[in-house]
N, C-alpha and C. Protein backbone atom coordinates (compact mmCIF):
# COMPACT_ATOMS: atom_id res chain seq x y z
N UNK A 1 -59.46 -32.73 -35.94
CA UNK A 1 -58.44 -31.83 -36.47
C UNK A 1 -57.93 -30.91 -35.38
N UNK A 2 -56.66 -30.62 -35.41
CA UNK A 2 -56.04 -29.71 -34.45
C UNK A 2 -56.46 -28.27 -34.76
N UNK A 3 -56.80 -27.52 -33.73
CA UNK A 3 -57.06 -26.09 -33.87
C UNK A 3 -55.89 -25.32 -33.29
N UNK A 4 -55.38 -24.38 -34.06
CA UNK A 4 -54.26 -23.54 -33.64
C UNK A 4 -54.77 -22.14 -33.35
N UNK A 5 -54.66 -21.71 -32.09
CA UNK A 5 -55.16 -20.40 -31.67
C UNK A 5 -54.01 -19.40 -31.54
N UNK A 6 -54.27 -18.17 -32.00
CA UNK A 6 -53.28 -17.11 -31.87
C UNK A 6 -53.35 -16.17 -33.05
N UNK A 7 -52.27 -15.45 -33.27
CA UNK A 7 -52.17 -14.52 -34.39
C UNK A 7 -50.89 -14.80 -35.17
N UNK A 8 -50.97 -14.59 -36.47
CA UNK A 8 -49.82 -14.88 -37.32
C UNK A 8 -48.63 -13.98 -37.05
N UNK A 9 -48.84 -12.84 -36.39
CA UNK A 9 -47.74 -11.93 -36.07
C UNK A 9 -46.83 -12.49 -34.98
N UNK A 10 -47.30 -13.48 -34.24
CA UNK A 10 -46.52 -14.06 -33.14
C UNK A 10 -45.45 -15.00 -33.67
N UNK A 11 -44.23 -14.84 -33.18
CA UNK A 11 -43.16 -15.74 -33.62
C UNK A 11 -43.39 -17.17 -33.14
N UNK A 12 -43.96 -17.35 -31.95
CA UNK A 12 -44.20 -18.71 -31.47
C UNK A 12 -45.39 -19.35 -32.17
N UNK A 13 -46.38 -18.58 -32.52
CA UNK A 13 -47.48 -19.08 -33.34
C UNK A 13 -46.92 -19.58 -34.67
N UNK A 14 -46.06 -18.76 -35.28
CA UNK A 14 -45.47 -19.13 -36.56
C UNK A 14 -44.61 -20.38 -36.44
N UNK A 15 -43.90 -20.50 -35.32
CA UNK A 15 -43.06 -21.69 -35.10
C UNK A 15 -43.92 -22.95 -35.05
N UNK A 16 -44.99 -22.91 -34.26
CA UNK A 16 -45.86 -24.08 -34.14
C UNK A 16 -46.52 -24.39 -35.48
N UNK A 17 -46.94 -23.38 -36.19
CA UNK A 17 -47.54 -23.59 -37.51
C UNK A 17 -46.54 -24.25 -38.45
N UNK A 18 -45.29 -23.81 -38.42
CA UNK A 18 -44.26 -24.40 -39.28
C UNK A 18 -44.06 -25.88 -38.95
N UNK A 19 -44.12 -26.22 -37.67
CA UNK A 19 -43.98 -27.63 -37.27
C UNK A 19 -45.12 -28.47 -37.84
N UNK A 20 -46.34 -27.98 -37.76
CA UNK A 20 -47.47 -28.75 -38.27
C UNK A 20 -47.40 -28.91 -39.79
N UNK A 21 -46.94 -27.87 -40.48
CA UNK A 21 -46.74 -27.98 -41.92
C UNK A 21 -45.62 -28.97 -42.21
N UNK A 22 -44.54 -28.87 -41.48
CA UNK A 22 -43.39 -29.77 -41.65
C UNK A 22 -43.82 -31.23 -41.52
N UNK A 23 -44.73 -31.51 -40.60
CA UNK A 23 -45.14 -32.87 -40.32
C UNK A 23 -46.36 -33.31 -41.14
N UNK A 24 -46.87 -32.41 -41.97
CA UNK A 24 -48.00 -32.77 -42.82
C UNK A 24 -49.29 -32.97 -42.07
N UNK A 25 -49.46 -32.29 -40.95
CA UNK A 25 -50.66 -32.44 -40.14
C UNK A 25 -51.77 -31.51 -40.62
N UNK A 26 -52.99 -31.96 -40.51
CA UNK A 26 -54.13 -31.10 -40.82
C UNK A 26 -54.45 -30.25 -39.59
N UNK A 27 -54.70 -28.97 -39.82
CA UNK A 27 -55.02 -28.08 -38.70
C UNK A 27 -55.85 -26.91 -39.20
N UNK A 28 -56.53 -26.30 -38.24
CA UNK A 28 -57.34 -25.12 -38.53
C UNK A 28 -56.80 -23.95 -37.71
N UNK A 29 -56.60 -22.82 -38.37
CA UNK A 29 -56.14 -21.63 -37.68
C UNK A 29 -57.34 -20.84 -37.14
N UNK A 30 -57.27 -20.48 -35.86
CA UNK A 30 -58.33 -19.71 -35.23
C UNK A 30 -57.73 -18.42 -34.69
N UNK A 31 -58.18 -17.30 -35.22
CA UNK A 31 -57.65 -16.01 -34.81
C UNK A 31 -58.03 -15.73 -33.36
N UNK A 32 -57.03 -15.57 -32.49
CA UNK A 32 -57.29 -15.38 -31.06
C UNK A 32 -56.16 -14.55 -30.46
N UNK A 33 -56.38 -13.24 -30.27
CA UNK A 33 -55.33 -12.40 -29.68
C UNK A 33 -55.07 -12.76 -28.23
N UNK A 34 -53.89 -12.42 -27.72
CA UNK A 34 -53.59 -12.71 -26.31
C UNK A 34 -54.38 -11.79 -25.39
N UNK A 35 -55.26 -12.34 -24.59
CA UNK A 35 -56.08 -11.56 -23.66
C UNK A 35 -56.19 -12.29 -22.33
N UNK A 36 -56.73 -11.60 -21.35
CA UNK A 36 -57.00 -12.20 -20.05
C UNK A 36 -58.47 -12.58 -19.92
N UNK A 37 -59.16 -12.68 -21.05
CA UNK A 37 -60.55 -13.09 -21.03
C UNK A 37 -60.66 -14.57 -20.68
N UNK A 38 -61.80 -14.92 -20.11
CA UNK A 38 -61.98 -16.27 -19.57
C UNK A 38 -61.77 -17.36 -20.60
N UNK A 39 -62.29 -17.15 -21.82
CA UNK A 39 -62.17 -18.20 -22.83
C UNK A 39 -60.72 -18.41 -23.24
N UNK A 40 -59.95 -17.32 -23.30
CA UNK A 40 -58.54 -17.46 -23.68
C UNK A 40 -57.73 -18.07 -22.55
N UNK A 41 -58.04 -17.71 -21.31
CA UNK A 41 -57.33 -18.29 -20.17
C UNK A 41 -57.63 -19.79 -20.03
N UNK A 42 -58.77 -20.22 -20.53
CA UNK A 42 -59.07 -21.66 -20.53
C UNK A 42 -58.14 -22.41 -21.47
N UNK A 43 -57.73 -21.72 -22.55
CA UNK A 43 -56.82 -22.34 -23.52
C UNK A 43 -55.36 -22.19 -23.11
N UNK A 44 -55.04 -21.04 -22.52
CA UNK A 44 -53.65 -20.70 -22.18
C UNK A 44 -53.66 -19.99 -20.84
N UNK A 45 -53.24 -20.62 -19.75
CA UNK A 45 -53.40 -20.07 -18.41
C UNK A 45 -52.83 -18.68 -18.19
N UNK A 46 -51.81 -18.29 -18.98
CA UNK A 46 -51.26 -16.94 -18.88
C UNK A 46 -51.83 -16.00 -19.94
N UNK A 47 -52.74 -16.52 -20.75
CA UNK A 47 -53.36 -15.70 -21.79
C UNK A 47 -52.47 -15.43 -22.98
N UNK A 48 -51.40 -16.21 -23.12
CA UNK A 48 -50.44 -15.99 -24.20
C UNK A 48 -50.84 -16.80 -25.44
N UNK A 49 -50.07 -16.64 -26.50
CA UNK A 49 -50.28 -17.44 -27.71
C UNK A 49 -48.94 -18.01 -28.16
N UNK A 50 -49.03 -19.17 -28.84
CA UNK A 50 -50.23 -19.87 -29.29
C UNK A 50 -50.71 -20.89 -28.27
N UNK A 51 -51.85 -21.47 -28.60
CA UNK A 51 -52.31 -22.67 -27.93
C UNK A 51 -52.97 -23.54 -29.00
N UNK A 52 -53.13 -24.81 -28.68
CA UNK A 52 -53.83 -25.71 -29.60
C UNK A 52 -54.93 -26.43 -28.86
N UNK A 53 -55.92 -26.89 -29.63
CA UNK A 53 -57.01 -27.69 -29.09
C UNK A 53 -57.03 -29.02 -29.81
N UNK A 54 -57.07 -30.09 -29.03
CA UNK A 54 -57.12 -31.45 -29.58
C UNK A 54 -58.20 -32.22 -28.82
N UNK A 55 -59.27 -32.53 -29.52
CA UNK A 55 -60.36 -33.30 -28.92
C UNK A 55 -60.83 -32.69 -27.59
N UNK A 56 -60.97 -31.37 -27.58
CA UNK A 56 -61.46 -30.69 -26.39
C UNK A 56 -60.42 -30.40 -25.33
N UNK A 57 -59.17 -30.86 -25.54
CA UNK A 57 -58.08 -30.59 -24.60
C UNK A 57 -57.21 -29.46 -25.16
N UNK A 58 -56.74 -28.58 -24.28
CA UNK A 58 -55.91 -27.46 -24.70
C UNK A 58 -54.47 -27.65 -24.24
N UNK A 59 -53.56 -27.22 -25.09
CA UNK A 59 -52.13 -27.24 -24.75
C UNK A 59 -51.56 -25.87 -25.11
N UNK A 60 -50.83 -25.28 -24.17
CA UNK A 60 -50.17 -24.00 -24.42
C UNK A 60 -48.65 -24.19 -24.27
N UNK A 61 -47.90 -23.13 -24.60
CA UNK A 61 -46.44 -23.10 -24.58
C UNK A 61 -45.87 -23.89 -25.77
N UNK A 62 -45.06 -23.19 -26.55
CA UNK A 62 -44.59 -23.74 -27.83
C UNK A 62 -43.85 -25.06 -27.67
N UNK A 63 -42.97 -25.16 -26.67
CA UNK A 63 -42.20 -26.38 -26.53
C UNK A 63 -43.07 -27.57 -26.17
N UNK A 64 -44.09 -27.34 -25.33
CA UNK A 64 -45.03 -28.42 -24.98
C UNK A 64 -45.83 -28.84 -26.22
N UNK A 65 -46.23 -27.86 -27.02
CA UNK A 65 -46.99 -28.17 -28.23
C UNK A 65 -46.14 -28.95 -29.21
N UNK A 66 -44.91 -28.51 -29.41
CA UNK A 66 -44.01 -29.21 -30.34
C UNK A 66 -43.75 -30.63 -29.85
N UNK A 67 -43.59 -30.80 -28.55
CA UNK A 67 -43.38 -32.13 -27.98
C UNK A 67 -44.56 -33.05 -28.28
N UNK A 68 -45.78 -32.51 -28.14
CA UNK A 68 -46.98 -33.28 -28.47
C UNK A 68 -47.01 -33.65 -29.95
N UNK A 69 -46.74 -32.69 -30.81
CA UNK A 69 -46.77 -32.94 -32.25
C UNK A 69 -45.71 -33.97 -32.66
N UNK A 70 -44.56 -33.93 -32.00
CA UNK A 70 -43.50 -34.90 -32.28
C UNK A 70 -43.94 -36.32 -31.94
N UNK A 71 -44.76 -36.44 -30.92
CA UNK A 71 -45.20 -37.77 -30.50
C UNK A 71 -46.33 -38.31 -31.38
N UNK A 72 -47.22 -37.44 -31.83
CA UNK A 72 -48.32 -37.96 -32.65
C UNK A 72 -47.90 -38.15 -34.10
N UNK A 73 -46.85 -37.46 -34.51
CA UNK A 73 -46.36 -37.60 -35.89
C UNK A 73 -44.83 -37.61 -35.84
N UNK A 74 -44.23 -38.79 -35.60
CA UNK A 74 -42.78 -38.86 -35.40
C UNK A 74 -41.94 -38.51 -36.62
N UNK A 75 -42.52 -38.57 -37.80
CA UNK A 75 -41.76 -38.28 -39.01
C UNK A 75 -42.35 -37.09 -39.75
N UNK A 76 -41.51 -36.22 -40.28
CA UNK A 76 -40.05 -36.18 -40.08
C UNK A 76 -39.70 -35.76 -38.66
N UNK A 77 -38.71 -36.42 -38.10
CA UNK A 77 -38.33 -36.17 -36.71
C UNK A 77 -37.69 -34.80 -36.56
N UNK A 78 -38.04 -34.10 -35.51
CA UNK A 78 -37.42 -32.81 -35.21
C UNK A 78 -36.38 -32.92 -34.10
N UNK A 79 -36.25 -34.12 -33.53
CA UNK A 79 -35.21 -34.40 -32.56
C UNK A 79 -34.44 -35.64 -33.00
N UNK A 80 -33.12 -35.66 -32.83
CA UNK A 80 -32.34 -36.85 -33.18
C UNK A 80 -32.76 -38.06 -32.35
N UNK A 81 -32.52 -39.24 -32.88
CA UNK A 81 -32.85 -40.47 -32.14
C UNK A 81 -31.90 -40.68 -30.97
N UNK A 82 -30.66 -40.27 -31.13
CA UNK A 82 -29.67 -40.43 -30.07
C UNK A 82 -30.04 -39.56 -28.87
N UNK A 83 -30.11 -40.11 -27.67
CA UNK A 83 -30.55 -39.33 -26.50
C UNK A 83 -29.69 -38.12 -26.20
N UNK A 84 -28.38 -38.26 -26.33
CA UNK A 84 -27.50 -37.13 -26.05
C UNK A 84 -27.69 -36.04 -27.10
N UNK A 85 -27.76 -36.46 -28.38
CA UNK A 85 -27.95 -35.47 -29.45
C UNK A 85 -29.29 -34.76 -29.30
N UNK A 86 -30.32 -35.49 -28.88
CA UNK A 86 -31.64 -34.88 -28.67
C UNK A 86 -31.58 -33.87 -27.53
N UNK A 87 -30.90 -34.23 -26.45
CA UNK A 87 -30.77 -33.32 -25.32
C UNK A 87 -29.98 -32.07 -25.71
N UNK A 88 -28.94 -32.24 -26.52
CA UNK A 88 -28.15 -31.09 -26.95
C UNK A 88 -28.96 -30.16 -27.85
N UNK A 89 -29.82 -30.72 -28.69
CA UNK A 89 -30.68 -29.90 -29.54
C UNK A 89 -31.66 -29.08 -28.70
N UNK A 90 -32.24 -29.71 -27.67
CA UNK A 90 -33.15 -29.01 -26.78
C UNK A 90 -32.40 -27.96 -25.95
N UNK A 91 -31.20 -28.32 -25.53
CA UNK A 91 -30.38 -27.37 -24.77
C UNK A 91 -30.15 -26.10 -25.59
N UNK A 92 -29.78 -26.27 -26.85
CA UNK A 92 -29.55 -25.13 -27.72
C UNK A 92 -30.83 -24.32 -27.92
N UNK A 93 -31.93 -25.00 -28.19
CA UNK A 93 -33.21 -24.30 -28.39
C UNK A 93 -33.59 -23.47 -27.17
N UNK A 94 -33.37 -24.02 -25.98
CA UNK A 94 -33.74 -23.31 -24.76
C UNK A 94 -32.84 -22.11 -24.49
N UNK A 95 -31.56 -22.24 -24.78
CA UNK A 95 -30.67 -21.10 -24.61
C UNK A 95 -31.04 -19.97 -25.58
N UNK A 96 -31.40 -20.33 -26.79
CA UNK A 96 -31.85 -19.32 -27.76
C UNK A 96 -33.10 -18.61 -27.23
N UNK A 97 -34.05 -19.40 -26.77
CA UNK A 97 -35.32 -18.84 -26.31
C UNK A 97 -35.15 -18.02 -25.03
N UNK A 98 -34.48 -18.58 -24.04
CA UNK A 98 -34.43 -17.96 -22.72
C UNK A 98 -33.38 -16.85 -22.61
N UNK A 99 -32.20 -17.09 -23.19
CA UNK A 99 -31.08 -16.19 -22.94
C UNK A 99 -30.89 -15.13 -24.02
N UNK A 100 -31.53 -15.32 -25.17
CA UNK A 100 -31.45 -14.31 -26.22
C UNK A 100 -32.81 -13.65 -26.43
N UNK A 101 -33.78 -14.45 -26.88
CA UNK A 101 -35.06 -13.84 -27.25
C UNK A 101 -35.84 -13.29 -26.07
N UNK A 102 -35.97 -14.06 -24.99
CA UNK A 102 -36.75 -13.57 -23.86
C UNK A 102 -36.05 -12.41 -23.15
N UNK A 103 -34.72 -12.40 -23.17
CA UNK A 103 -34.00 -11.25 -22.63
C UNK A 103 -34.31 -10.00 -23.46
N UNK A 104 -34.24 -10.14 -24.78
CA UNK A 104 -34.53 -9.00 -25.66
C UNK A 104 -35.99 -8.59 -25.60
N UNK A 105 -36.88 -9.54 -25.35
CA UNK A 105 -38.33 -9.28 -25.38
C UNK A 105 -38.76 -8.24 -24.34
N UNK A 106 -37.98 -8.05 -23.30
CA UNK A 106 -38.33 -7.03 -22.31
C UNK A 106 -38.42 -5.64 -22.95
N UNK A 107 -37.74 -5.46 -24.07
CA UNK A 107 -37.76 -4.17 -24.77
C UNK A 107 -38.75 -4.16 -25.93
N UNK A 108 -39.54 -5.22 -26.08
CA UNK A 108 -40.48 -5.29 -27.19
C UNK A 108 -41.47 -4.12 -27.21
N UNK A 109 -42.07 -3.73 -26.08
CA UNK A 109 -43.01 -2.60 -26.14
C UNK A 109 -42.36 -1.32 -26.66
N UNK A 110 -41.13 -1.06 -26.23
CA UNK A 110 -40.44 0.15 -26.68
C UNK A 110 -40.00 0.03 -28.13
N UNK A 111 -39.61 -1.18 -28.54
CA UNK A 111 -39.08 -1.37 -29.90
C UNK A 111 -40.17 -1.39 -30.96
N UNK A 112 -41.32 -1.96 -30.63
CA UNK A 112 -42.33 -2.20 -31.65
C UNK A 112 -43.66 -1.48 -31.45
N UNK A 113 -43.96 -1.05 -30.22
CA UNK A 113 -45.31 -0.57 -29.94
C UNK A 113 -45.35 0.82 -29.30
N UNK A 114 -44.29 1.60 -29.47
CA UNK A 114 -44.30 2.98 -29.01
C UNK A 114 -44.13 3.17 -27.51
N UNK A 115 -43.73 2.14 -26.81
CA UNK A 115 -43.51 2.26 -25.38
C UNK A 115 -42.17 2.92 -25.07
N UNK A 116 -41.85 3.01 -23.81
CA UNK A 116 -40.58 3.60 -23.39
C UNK A 116 -39.80 2.61 -22.54
N UNK A 117 -38.48 2.82 -22.49
CA UNK A 117 -37.61 1.99 -21.66
C UNK A 117 -36.50 2.87 -21.13
N UNK A 118 -36.14 2.65 -19.88
CA UNK A 118 -35.07 3.45 -19.28
C UNK A 118 -33.72 3.08 -19.89
N UNK A 119 -32.77 4.01 -19.79
CA UNK A 119 -31.41 3.73 -20.26
C UNK A 119 -30.82 2.54 -19.52
N UNK A 120 -31.16 2.43 -18.23
CA UNK A 120 -30.64 1.31 -17.44
C UNK A 120 -31.17 -0.02 -17.95
N UNK A 121 -32.48 -0.08 -18.25
CA UNK A 121 -33.06 -1.32 -18.77
C UNK A 121 -32.47 -1.66 -20.13
N UNK A 122 -32.29 -0.66 -20.97
CA UNK A 122 -31.73 -0.90 -22.30
C UNK A 122 -30.31 -1.47 -22.18
N UNK A 123 -29.50 -0.88 -21.32
CA UNK A 123 -28.12 -1.33 -21.17
C UNK A 123 -28.04 -2.71 -20.53
N UNK A 124 -28.86 -2.94 -19.52
CA UNK A 124 -28.88 -4.27 -18.88
C UNK A 124 -29.30 -5.35 -19.87
N UNK A 125 -30.31 -5.03 -20.67
CA UNK A 125 -30.79 -5.98 -21.67
C UNK A 125 -29.72 -6.23 -22.73
N UNK A 126 -29.06 -5.19 -23.16
CA UNK A 126 -28.00 -5.34 -24.16
C UNK A 126 -26.92 -6.29 -23.65
N UNK A 127 -26.52 -6.13 -22.40
CA UNK A 127 -25.49 -6.99 -21.82
C UNK A 127 -25.96 -8.44 -21.74
N UNK A 128 -27.22 -8.63 -21.33
CA UNK A 128 -27.74 -9.99 -21.20
C UNK A 128 -27.87 -10.68 -22.56
N UNK A 129 -28.33 -9.93 -23.56
CA UNK A 129 -28.46 -10.50 -24.90
C UNK A 129 -27.08 -10.83 -25.46
N UNK A 130 -26.11 -9.97 -25.23
CA UNK A 130 -24.74 -10.23 -25.69
C UNK A 130 -24.20 -11.51 -25.06
N UNK A 131 -24.42 -11.67 -23.77
CA UNK A 131 -23.97 -12.89 -23.09
C UNK A 131 -24.73 -14.11 -23.60
N UNK A 132 -26.01 -13.94 -23.84
CA UNK A 132 -26.80 -15.05 -24.38
C UNK A 132 -26.30 -15.49 -25.73
N UNK A 133 -25.94 -14.55 -26.58
CA UNK A 133 -25.41 -14.89 -27.90
C UNK A 133 -24.10 -15.65 -27.79
N UNK A 134 -23.28 -15.30 -26.83
CA UNK A 134 -22.03 -16.03 -26.63
C UNK A 134 -22.30 -17.47 -26.25
N UNK A 135 -23.30 -17.68 -25.38
CA UNK A 135 -23.67 -19.04 -24.97
C UNK A 135 -24.21 -19.84 -26.14
N UNK A 136 -25.08 -19.21 -26.92
CA UNK A 136 -25.65 -19.88 -28.09
C UNK A 136 -24.57 -20.25 -29.09
N UNK A 137 -23.65 -19.32 -29.33
CA UNK A 137 -22.57 -19.58 -30.28
C UNK A 137 -21.72 -20.77 -29.84
N UNK A 138 -21.54 -20.92 -28.54
CA UNK A 138 -20.76 -22.04 -28.01
C UNK A 138 -21.42 -23.38 -28.33
N UNK A 139 -22.76 -23.39 -28.39
CA UNK A 139 -23.51 -24.63 -28.60
C UNK A 139 -23.88 -24.87 -30.07
N UNK A 140 -23.95 -23.81 -30.86
CA UNK A 140 -24.41 -23.91 -32.24
C UNK A 140 -23.43 -24.70 -33.09
N UNK A 141 -23.94 -25.66 -33.86
CA UNK A 141 -23.10 -26.53 -34.66
C UNK A 141 -22.98 -26.03 -36.10
N UNK A 142 -24.14 -25.72 -36.73
CA UNK A 142 -24.17 -25.23 -38.12
C UNK A 142 -23.48 -26.19 -39.09
N UNK A 143 -23.84 -27.49 -39.04
CA UNK A 143 -23.24 -28.47 -39.94
C UNK A 143 -24.29 -29.32 -40.64
N UNK A 144 -25.10 -28.80 -41.55
CA UNK A 144 -25.25 -27.38 -41.84
C UNK A 144 -26.32 -26.71 -40.96
N UNK A 145 -27.10 -27.56 -40.23
CA UNK A 145 -28.19 -27.02 -39.42
C UNK A 145 -27.72 -26.71 -38.00
N UNK A 146 -28.59 -26.10 -37.23
CA UNK A 146 -28.20 -25.57 -35.92
C UNK A 146 -27.58 -26.63 -35.01
N UNK A 147 -28.18 -27.83 -34.99
CA UNK A 147 -27.71 -28.87 -34.08
C UNK A 147 -27.06 -30.05 -34.79
N UNK A 148 -26.84 -29.93 -36.10
CA UNK A 148 -26.20 -31.03 -36.80
C UNK A 148 -26.60 -31.15 -38.25
N UNK A 149 -26.74 -32.39 -38.71
CA UNK A 149 -26.91 -32.65 -40.14
C UNK A 149 -28.34 -32.50 -40.64
N UNK A 150 -29.32 -32.50 -39.75
CA UNK A 150 -30.71 -32.46 -40.20
C UNK A 150 -31.48 -31.31 -39.56
N UNK A 151 -32.51 -30.85 -40.27
CA UNK A 151 -33.39 -29.79 -39.79
C UNK A 151 -34.15 -30.28 -38.57
N UNK A 152 -34.25 -29.42 -37.55
CA UNK A 152 -34.95 -29.85 -36.36
C UNK A 152 -35.38 -28.70 -35.46
N UNK A 153 -35.68 -29.04 -34.23
CA UNK A 153 -36.26 -28.09 -33.29
C UNK A 153 -35.36 -26.89 -33.04
N UNK A 154 -34.05 -27.11 -33.00
CA UNK A 154 -33.13 -26.00 -32.75
C UNK A 154 -33.17 -24.99 -33.89
N UNK A 155 -33.41 -25.46 -35.11
CA UNK A 155 -33.51 -24.55 -36.25
C UNK A 155 -34.76 -23.69 -36.16
N UNK A 156 -35.85 -24.27 -35.72
CA UNK A 156 -37.09 -23.51 -35.58
C UNK A 156 -36.94 -22.41 -34.55
N UNK A 157 -36.31 -22.71 -33.43
CA UNK A 157 -36.10 -21.68 -32.41
C UNK A 157 -35.04 -20.68 -32.87
N UNK A 158 -34.05 -21.14 -33.62
CA UNK A 158 -33.08 -20.20 -34.18
C UNK A 158 -33.79 -19.18 -35.06
N UNK A 159 -34.61 -19.65 -35.98
CA UNK A 159 -35.23 -18.75 -36.95
C UNK A 159 -36.24 -17.81 -36.29
N UNK A 160 -37.14 -18.37 -35.51
CA UNK A 160 -38.23 -17.55 -34.99
C UNK A 160 -37.84 -16.73 -33.75
N UNK A 161 -36.91 -17.20 -32.95
CA UNK A 161 -36.48 -16.42 -31.79
C UNK A 161 -35.40 -15.42 -32.16
N UNK A 162 -34.43 -15.83 -32.96
CA UNK A 162 -33.36 -14.92 -33.39
C UNK A 162 -33.92 -13.79 -34.25
N UNK A 163 -34.93 -14.10 -35.04
CA UNK A 163 -35.52 -13.07 -35.89
C UNK A 163 -36.08 -11.92 -35.07
N UNK A 164 -36.83 -12.25 -34.02
CA UNK A 164 -37.40 -11.21 -33.16
C UNK A 164 -36.32 -10.48 -32.38
N UNK A 165 -35.38 -11.23 -31.82
CA UNK A 165 -34.31 -10.62 -31.04
C UNK A 165 -33.46 -9.69 -31.91
N UNK A 166 -33.25 -10.09 -33.15
CA UNK A 166 -32.47 -9.25 -34.07
C UNK A 166 -33.18 -7.94 -34.34
N UNK A 167 -34.49 -8.00 -34.55
CA UNK A 167 -35.26 -6.78 -34.83
C UNK A 167 -35.23 -5.84 -33.63
N UNK A 168 -35.36 -6.38 -32.43
CA UNK A 168 -35.32 -5.55 -31.22
C UNK A 168 -33.94 -4.94 -31.04
N UNK A 169 -32.89 -5.73 -31.26
CA UNK A 169 -31.52 -5.24 -31.10
C UNK A 169 -31.22 -4.12 -32.08
N UNK A 170 -31.68 -4.27 -33.31
CA UNK A 170 -31.44 -3.24 -34.30
C UNK A 170 -32.13 -1.93 -33.89
N UNK A 171 -33.32 -2.05 -33.38
CA UNK A 171 -34.09 -0.86 -33.00
C UNK A 171 -33.55 -0.21 -31.73
N UNK A 172 -33.27 -1.01 -30.71
CA UNK A 172 -32.95 -0.46 -29.40
C UNK A 172 -31.46 -0.25 -29.16
N UNK A 173 -30.60 -1.05 -29.81
CA UNK A 173 -29.16 -0.92 -29.60
C UNK A 173 -28.45 -0.38 -30.83
N UNK A 174 -29.21 -0.21 -31.93
CA UNK A 174 -28.62 0.17 -33.22
C UNK A 174 -27.46 -0.76 -33.56
N UNK A 175 -27.71 -2.06 -33.39
CA UNK A 175 -26.66 -3.06 -33.58
C UNK A 175 -27.23 -4.28 -34.28
N UNK A 176 -26.41 -4.88 -35.14
CA UNK A 176 -26.75 -6.13 -35.81
C UNK A 176 -26.40 -7.28 -34.87
N UNK A 177 -27.41 -7.96 -34.36
CA UNK A 177 -27.20 -9.03 -33.39
C UNK A 177 -26.28 -10.12 -33.92
N UNK A 178 -26.32 -10.35 -35.24
CA UNK A 178 -25.57 -11.46 -35.84
C UNK A 178 -24.26 -11.03 -36.49
N UNK A 179 -23.88 -9.78 -36.32
CA UNK A 179 -22.69 -9.26 -37.00
C UNK A 179 -21.44 -10.07 -36.67
N UNK A 180 -21.32 -10.50 -35.43
CA UNK A 180 -20.13 -11.26 -35.01
C UNK A 180 -20.32 -12.76 -35.14
N UNK A 181 -21.44 -13.17 -35.73
CA UNK A 181 -21.75 -14.60 -35.83
C UNK A 181 -22.17 -14.94 -37.27
N UNK A 182 -21.22 -14.91 -38.21
CA UNK A 182 -21.57 -15.14 -39.62
C UNK A 182 -22.19 -16.50 -39.88
N UNK A 183 -21.80 -17.53 -39.11
CA UNK A 183 -22.38 -18.86 -39.33
C UNK A 183 -23.88 -18.86 -39.00
N UNK A 184 -24.25 -18.16 -37.93
CA UNK A 184 -25.66 -18.09 -37.57
C UNK A 184 -26.43 -17.26 -38.60
N UNK A 185 -25.81 -16.19 -39.07
CA UNK A 185 -26.44 -15.36 -40.10
C UNK A 185 -26.68 -16.17 -41.38
N UNK A 186 -25.71 -16.97 -41.77
CA UNK A 186 -25.86 -17.82 -42.96
C UNK A 186 -26.94 -18.87 -42.74
N UNK A 187 -27.00 -19.41 -41.53
CA UNK A 187 -28.04 -20.39 -41.21
C UNK A 187 -29.42 -19.75 -41.31
N UNK A 188 -29.58 -18.54 -40.80
CA UNK A 188 -30.86 -17.83 -40.88
C UNK A 188 -31.30 -17.66 -42.33
N UNK A 189 -30.36 -17.32 -43.20
CA UNK A 189 -30.68 -17.16 -44.62
C UNK A 189 -31.12 -18.49 -45.22
N UNK A 190 -30.44 -19.57 -44.87
CA UNK A 190 -30.81 -20.89 -45.38
C UNK A 190 -32.19 -21.30 -44.87
N UNK A 191 -32.45 -21.05 -43.60
CA UNK A 191 -33.72 -21.46 -43.01
C UNK A 191 -34.90 -20.71 -43.60
N UNK A 192 -34.68 -19.47 -44.03
CA UNK A 192 -35.77 -18.68 -44.61
C UNK A 192 -36.38 -19.35 -45.83
N UNK A 193 -35.59 -20.15 -46.54
CA UNK A 193 -36.08 -20.82 -47.73
C UNK A 193 -36.51 -22.27 -47.47
N UNK A 194 -36.41 -22.73 -46.22
CA UNK A 194 -36.90 -24.07 -45.89
C UNK A 194 -38.41 -24.10 -46.14
N UNK A 195 -38.93 -25.13 -46.81
CA UNK A 195 -40.33 -25.11 -47.29
C UNK A 195 -41.38 -24.76 -46.24
N UNK A 196 -41.33 -25.36 -45.07
CA UNK A 196 -42.38 -25.08 -44.07
C UNK A 196 -42.28 -23.65 -43.56
N UNK A 197 -41.07 -23.17 -43.34
CA UNK A 197 -40.88 -21.80 -42.88
C UNK A 197 -41.28 -20.81 -43.96
N UNK A 198 -40.89 -21.10 -45.20
CA UNK A 198 -41.24 -20.21 -46.31
C UNK A 198 -42.75 -20.12 -46.49
N UNK A 199 -43.45 -21.23 -46.30
CA UNK A 199 -44.92 -21.22 -46.43
C UNK A 199 -45.55 -20.36 -45.34
N UNK A 200 -45.06 -20.47 -44.12
CA UNK A 200 -45.58 -19.65 -43.02
C UNK A 200 -45.37 -18.17 -43.32
N UNK A 201 -44.18 -17.82 -43.82
CA UNK A 201 -43.87 -16.44 -44.14
C UNK A 201 -44.78 -15.92 -45.26
N UNK A 202 -44.96 -16.73 -46.29
CA UNK A 202 -45.80 -16.34 -47.42
C UNK A 202 -47.24 -16.13 -47.00
N UNK A 203 -47.78 -17.01 -46.18
CA UNK A 203 -49.16 -16.89 -45.75
C UNK A 203 -49.36 -15.72 -44.80
N UNK A 204 -48.37 -15.43 -43.96
CA UNK A 204 -48.46 -14.28 -43.07
C UNK A 204 -48.48 -12.97 -43.86
N UNK A 205 -47.70 -12.92 -44.94
CA UNK A 205 -47.63 -11.73 -45.76
C UNK A 205 -48.92 -11.52 -46.55
N UNK A 206 -49.63 -12.61 -46.80
CA UNK A 206 -50.85 -12.52 -47.62
C UNK A 206 -52.12 -12.31 -46.80
N UNK A 207 -51.99 -12.21 -45.48
CA UNK A 207 -53.18 -12.13 -44.61
C UNK A 207 -53.98 -10.86 -44.88
């Protein structure tokens, strides 16, 4: 059985958990906060979460984990069969992760944990997140899902990365990240009720 290490508060932990539920895989959740302790670094070289254990082997980083899960359980597929469509779905997912969420994440300590951030960092981050949203909007299909007609990897990154970035933007910029992107906002609402995502949300609330 796959072991999933991390905390339910993590958006990437939740993303990986949603994938395993989506694919009907059996797994065990193991509570493991992000630390630099030796046992955690053995699972995740940067001490981040989540990571998984399979037959004594560890895999970290959400995209690598999702890639592994896609190969061991191809159905339901999270990537289109067409090579170009699959590449476009990954392209969109990576722009969401790198250019929106990870840009906003620099302000996470100040937004969520009582830290501080300079006016310069706040403004630089705001500009980068704004540009990232423009790039994502250029690639987002919303017909009806992020990358096309079926639920897939781009939707998971849309929901779990946009959710965190939106919360940070509201706190630090006093701005609705999705105000100028009604299609993405509607997609987020639709994804919230997708069965695997809804189960993750329900279980996190009940912890």
